[in-house]
Amino acid sequence: MPTDLSTILKLSVPMIVQIGKRTSNLEAILALGPGAIIELNKPADAYLDLLVNNKTIGSGHAVKVGENFGIRIEIIGSPQERVEALAGE
């Protein structure tokens, strides 16, 4: 069965910008509330990871866009690597 590539390219997929990771016990997580600060072992100016399907496809630095934050992509995988991330390979 032929695949209509234009239809596939219109699919919306979630992207995640990961600022860091931290492991914590359940008690500490349940104690979180508004105003809590979670310290990460990553410098503020370090690269942020860009993930699709929980696989890193690129990275960049945080930027301010008006009143919002964004990511300026500085490293991106090849189109094949990005498609493989979408496929979960």
N, C-alpha and C. Protein backbone atom coordinates (compact mmCIF):
# COMPACT_ATOMS: atom_id res chain seq x y z
N MET A 1 0.84 -1.17 0.00
CA MET A 1 0.00 0.00 0.00
C MET A 1 0.89 1.24 0.00
N PRO A 2 0.78 2.11 -1.00
CA PRO A 2 1.63 3.30 -1.07
C PRO A 2 1.30 4.28 0.05
N THR A 3 2.32 4.95 0.52
CA THR A 3 2.14 5.93 1.59
C THR A 3 2.16 7.32 0.99
N ASP A 4 1.18 8.12 1.35
CA ASP A 4 1.12 9.51 0.90
C ASP A 4 1.97 10.34 1.84
N LEU A 5 3.20 10.67 1.40
CA LEU A 5 4.16 11.37 2.25
C LEU A 5 3.63 12.72 2.71
N SER A 6 2.88 13.41 1.87
CA SER A 6 2.37 14.73 2.27
C SER A 6 1.43 14.63 3.47
N THR A 7 0.69 13.54 3.56
CA THR A 7 -0.21 13.33 4.71
C THR A 7 0.60 13.09 5.97
N ILE A 8 1.64 12.27 5.87
CA ILE A 8 2.49 11.97 7.02
C ILE A 8 3.18 13.23 7.52
N LEU A 9 3.66 14.06 6.61
CA LEU A 9 4.39 15.26 7.00
C LEU A 9 3.50 16.29 7.71
N LYS A 10 2.18 16.15 7.61
CA LYS A 10 1.26 17.06 8.27
C LYS A 10 0.91 16.62 9.70
N LEU A 11 1.39 15.44 10.11
CA LEU A 11 1.08 14.96 11.46
C LEU A 11 1.71 15.87 12.51
N SER A 12 0.99 16.10 13.58
CA SER A 12 1.52 16.85 14.72
C SER A 12 2.07 15.87 15.73
N VAL A 13 3.30 16.13 16.16
CA VAL A 13 3.92 15.27 17.17
C VAL A 13 4.43 16.15 18.30
N PRO A 14 4.37 15.66 19.54
CA PRO A 14 4.86 16.46 20.67
C PRO A 14 6.39 16.53 20.68
N MET A 15 6.89 17.71 20.97
CA MET A 15 8.33 17.91 21.16
C MET A 15 8.54 18.30 22.61
N ILE A 16 9.64 17.84 23.18
CA ILE A 16 9.98 18.15 24.56
C ILE A 16 11.31 18.88 24.56
N VAL A 17 11.39 19.97 25.31
CA VAL A 17 12.66 20.64 25.55
C VAL A 17 13.03 20.31 26.99
N GLN A 18 14.08 19.54 27.13
CA GLN A 18 14.48 19.04 28.45
C GLN A 18 15.56 19.94 29.03
N ILE A 19 15.26 20.54 30.15
CA ILE A 19 16.24 21.43 30.78
C ILE A 19 17.16 20.68 31.72
N GLY A 20 16.79 19.48 32.13
CA GLY A 20 17.63 18.69 33.03
C GLY A 20 16.86 17.51 33.55
N LYS A 21 17.56 16.68 34.33
CA LYS A 21 16.94 15.52 34.96
C LYS A 21 17.34 15.48 36.42
N ARG A 22 16.45 14.94 37.20
CA ARG A 22 16.75 14.77 38.61
C ARG A 22 15.94 13.60 39.15
N THR A 23 16.56 12.79 39.96
CA THR A 23 15.87 11.70 40.63
C THR A 23 15.58 12.14 42.06
N SER A 24 14.36 11.84 42.51
CA SER A 24 13.98 12.22 43.85
C SER A 24 13.06 11.16 44.42
N ASN A 25 12.98 11.09 45.74
CA ASN A 25 12.08 10.10 46.33
C ASN A 25 10.65 10.64 46.31
N LEU A 26 9.71 9.74 46.44
CA LEU A 26 8.29 10.09 46.35
C LEU A 26 7.88 11.09 47.42
N GLU A 27 8.44 10.95 48.61
CA GLU A 27 8.11 11.87 49.70
C GLU A 27 8.44 13.31 49.32
N ALA A 28 9.62 13.52 48.72
CA ALA A 28 10.03 14.87 48.31
C ALA A 28 9.14 15.40 47.20
N ILE A 29 8.73 14.55 46.29
CA ILE A 29 7.86 14.98 45.19
C ILE A 29 6.49 15.38 45.71
N LEU A 30 5.95 14.61 46.65
CA LEU A 30 4.64 14.94 47.22
C LEU A 30 4.69 16.22 48.04
N ALA A 31 5.87 16.58 48.54
CA ALA A 31 6.02 17.80 49.34
C ALA A 31 6.15 19.05 48.49
N LEU A 32 6.28 18.91 47.16
CA LEU A 32 6.42 20.08 46.28
C LEU A 32 5.15 20.91 46.31
N GLY A 33 5.33 22.20 46.20
CA GLY A 33 4.20 23.11 46.14
C GLY A 33 4.58 24.35 45.35
N PRO A 34 3.64 25.25 45.17
CA PRO A 34 3.94 26.48 44.45
C PRO A 34 5.13 27.20 45.09
N GLY A 35 6.05 27.66 44.27
CA GLY A 35 7.22 28.37 44.76
C GLY A 35 8.40 27.47 45.06
N ALA A 36 8.19 26.15 45.02
CA ALA A 36 9.31 25.22 45.27
C ALA A 36 10.34 25.36 44.15
N ILE A 37 11.58 25.19 44.50
CA ILE A 37 12.68 25.25 43.53
C ILE A 37 13.33 23.88 43.48
N ILE A 38 13.48 23.36 42.27
CA ILE A 38 14.15 22.08 42.07
C ILE A 38 15.51 22.38 41.46
N GLU A 39 16.55 22.04 42.17
CA GLU A 39 17.90 22.30 41.69
C GLU A 39 18.33 21.19 40.73
N LEU A 40 18.91 21.59 39.61
CA LEU A 40 19.39 20.66 38.60
C LEU A 40 20.91 20.73 38.52
N ASN A 41 21.53 19.61 38.21
CA ASN A 41 22.98 19.57 38.06
C ASN A 41 23.38 19.94 36.63
N LYS A 42 22.99 21.14 36.23
CA LYS A 42 23.27 21.61 34.88
C LYS A 42 23.42 23.12 34.94
N PRO A 43 24.49 23.67 34.36
CA PRO A 43 24.64 25.13 34.38
C PRO A 43 23.50 25.81 33.61
N ALA A 44 23.17 27.02 34.02
CA ALA A 44 22.05 27.75 33.39
C ALA A 44 22.29 28.01 31.91
N ASP A 45 23.56 28.09 31.48
CA ASP A 45 23.84 28.38 30.07
C ASP A 45 24.16 27.12 29.26
N ALA A 46 23.90 25.94 29.82
CA ALA A 46 24.18 24.68 29.12
C ALA A 46 23.15 24.44 28.02
N TYR A 47 23.50 23.55 27.11
CA TYR A 47 22.57 23.17 26.05
C TYR A 47 21.33 22.53 26.64
N LEU A 48 20.19 22.77 26.01
CA LEU A 48 18.93 22.11 26.33
C LEU A 48 18.71 21.04 25.27
N ASP A 49 18.19 19.90 25.67
CA ASP A 49 17.95 18.82 24.72
C ASP A 49 16.57 18.95 24.11
N LEU A 50 16.48 18.70 22.81
CA LEU A 50 15.21 18.69 22.08
C LEU A 50 14.88 17.24 21.77
N LEU A 51 13.73 16.78 22.29
CA LEU A 51 13.36 15.37 22.15
C LEU A 51 12.05 15.21 21.39
N VAL A 52 11.98 14.16 20.60
CA VAL A 52 10.75 13.70 19.96
C VAL A 52 10.66 12.22 20.26
N ASN A 53 9.52 11.79 20.75
CA ASN A 53 9.32 10.38 21.11
C ASN A 53 10.36 9.94 22.15
N ASN A 54 10.71 10.85 23.05
CA ASN A 54 11.70 10.62 24.11
C ASN A 54 13.09 10.30 23.58
N LYS A 55 13.38 10.70 22.34
CA LYS A 55 14.71 10.52 21.75
C LYS A 55 15.26 11.88 21.37
N THR A 56 16.52 12.12 21.72
CA THR A 56 17.14 13.41 21.43
C THR A 56 17.36 13.54 19.93
N ILE A 57 16.84 14.64 19.36
CA ILE A 57 17.06 14.89 17.94
C ILE A 57 17.89 16.15 17.72
N GLY A 58 18.12 16.92 18.79
CA GLY A 58 18.91 18.13 18.66
C GLY A 58 19.10 18.79 20.00
N SER A 59 19.76 19.94 19.97
CA SER A 59 19.95 20.71 21.20
C SER A 59 20.17 22.17 20.85
N GLY A 60 20.05 23.01 21.86
CA GLY A 60 20.22 24.44 21.66
C GLY A 60 20.21 25.16 23.00
N HIS A 61 20.16 26.48 22.92
CA HIS A 61 20.17 27.31 24.12
C HIS A 61 18.82 27.99 24.31
N ALA A 62 18.49 28.25 25.55
CA ALA A 62 17.24 28.93 25.88
C ALA A 62 17.32 30.38 25.41
N VAL A 63 16.21 30.88 24.90
CA VAL A 63 16.10 32.28 24.49
C VAL A 63 14.77 32.81 25.01
N LYS A 64 14.70 34.11 25.19
CA LYS A 64 13.45 34.75 25.59
C LYS A 64 12.79 35.31 24.34
N VAL A 65 11.51 34.99 24.16
CA VAL A 65 10.73 35.46 23.02
C VAL A 65 9.54 36.22 23.58
N GLY A 66 9.67 37.53 23.66
CA GLY A 66 8.63 38.32 24.30
C GLY A 66 8.57 37.96 25.77
N GLU A 67 7.41 37.51 26.23
CA GLU A 67 7.25 37.07 27.62
C GLU A 67 7.39 35.57 27.76
N ASN A 68 7.76 34.88 26.70
CA ASN A 68 7.88 33.42 26.71
C ASN A 68 9.34 33.00 26.55
N PHE A 69 9.58 31.73 26.76
CA PHE A 69 10.89 31.16 26.52
C PHE A 69 10.82 30.26 25.30
N GLY A 70 11.95 30.11 24.64
CA GLY A 70 12.05 29.23 23.48
C GLY A 70 13.41 28.58 23.47
N ILE A 71 13.72 27.89 22.39
CA ILE A 71 15.02 27.25 22.22
C ILE A 71 15.57 27.63 20.86
N ARG A 72 16.80 28.10 20.84
CA ARG A 72 17.50 28.36 19.58
C ARG A 72 18.25 27.08 19.25
N ILE A 73 17.80 26.37 18.23
CA ILE A 73 18.41 25.09 17.87
C ILE A 73 19.78 25.35 17.26
N GLU A 74 20.77 24.69 17.83
CA GLU A 74 22.14 24.86 17.36
C GLU A 74 22.71 23.56 16.80
N ILE A 75 22.17 22.42 17.24
CA ILE A 75 22.59 21.12 16.72
C ILE A 75 21.32 20.34 16.42
N ILE A 76 21.24 19.75 15.22
CA ILE A 76 20.05 18.97 14.86
C ILE A 76 20.51 17.73 14.11
N GLY A 77 19.84 16.61 14.37
CA GLY A 77 20.17 15.36 13.71
C GLY A 77 19.78 15.41 12.24
N SER A 78 20.25 14.43 11.50
CA SER A 78 19.93 14.33 10.08
C SER A 78 18.44 14.03 9.92
N PRO A 79 17.88 14.27 8.73
CA PRO A 79 16.47 13.92 8.53
C PRO A 79 16.20 12.45 8.83
N GLN A 80 17.12 11.56 8.50
CA GLN A 80 16.92 10.14 8.79
C GLN A 80 16.87 9.89 10.29
N GLU A 81 17.74 10.54 11.06
CA GLU A 81 17.72 10.38 12.51
C GLU A 81 16.42 10.90 13.10
N ARG A 82 15.91 11.99 12.55
CA ARG A 82 14.66 12.54 13.06
C ARG A 82 13.48 11.63 12.74
N VAL A 83 13.47 11.04 11.54
CA VAL A 83 12.40 10.12 11.17
C VAL A 83 12.47 8.87 12.04
N GLU A 84 13.68 8.38 12.31
CA GLU A 84 13.83 7.20 13.17
C GLU A 84 13.31 7.48 14.58
N ALA A 85 13.52 8.71 15.08
CA ALA A 85 13.00 9.07 16.40
C ALA A 85 11.47 9.04 16.38
N LEU A 86 10.87 9.51 15.29
CA LEU A 86 9.41 9.48 15.18
C LEU A 86 8.90 8.06 15.14
N ALA A 87 9.66 7.17 14.51
CA ALA A 87 9.22 5.78 14.36
C ALA A 87 9.48 4.97 15.61
N GLY A 88 10.24 5.54 16.56
CA GLY A 88 10.55 4.83 17.79
C GLY A 88 11.64 3.79 17.61
N GLU A 89 12.46 3.96 16.57
CA GLU A 89 13.54 3.00 16.32
C GLU A 89 14.77 3.31 17.13
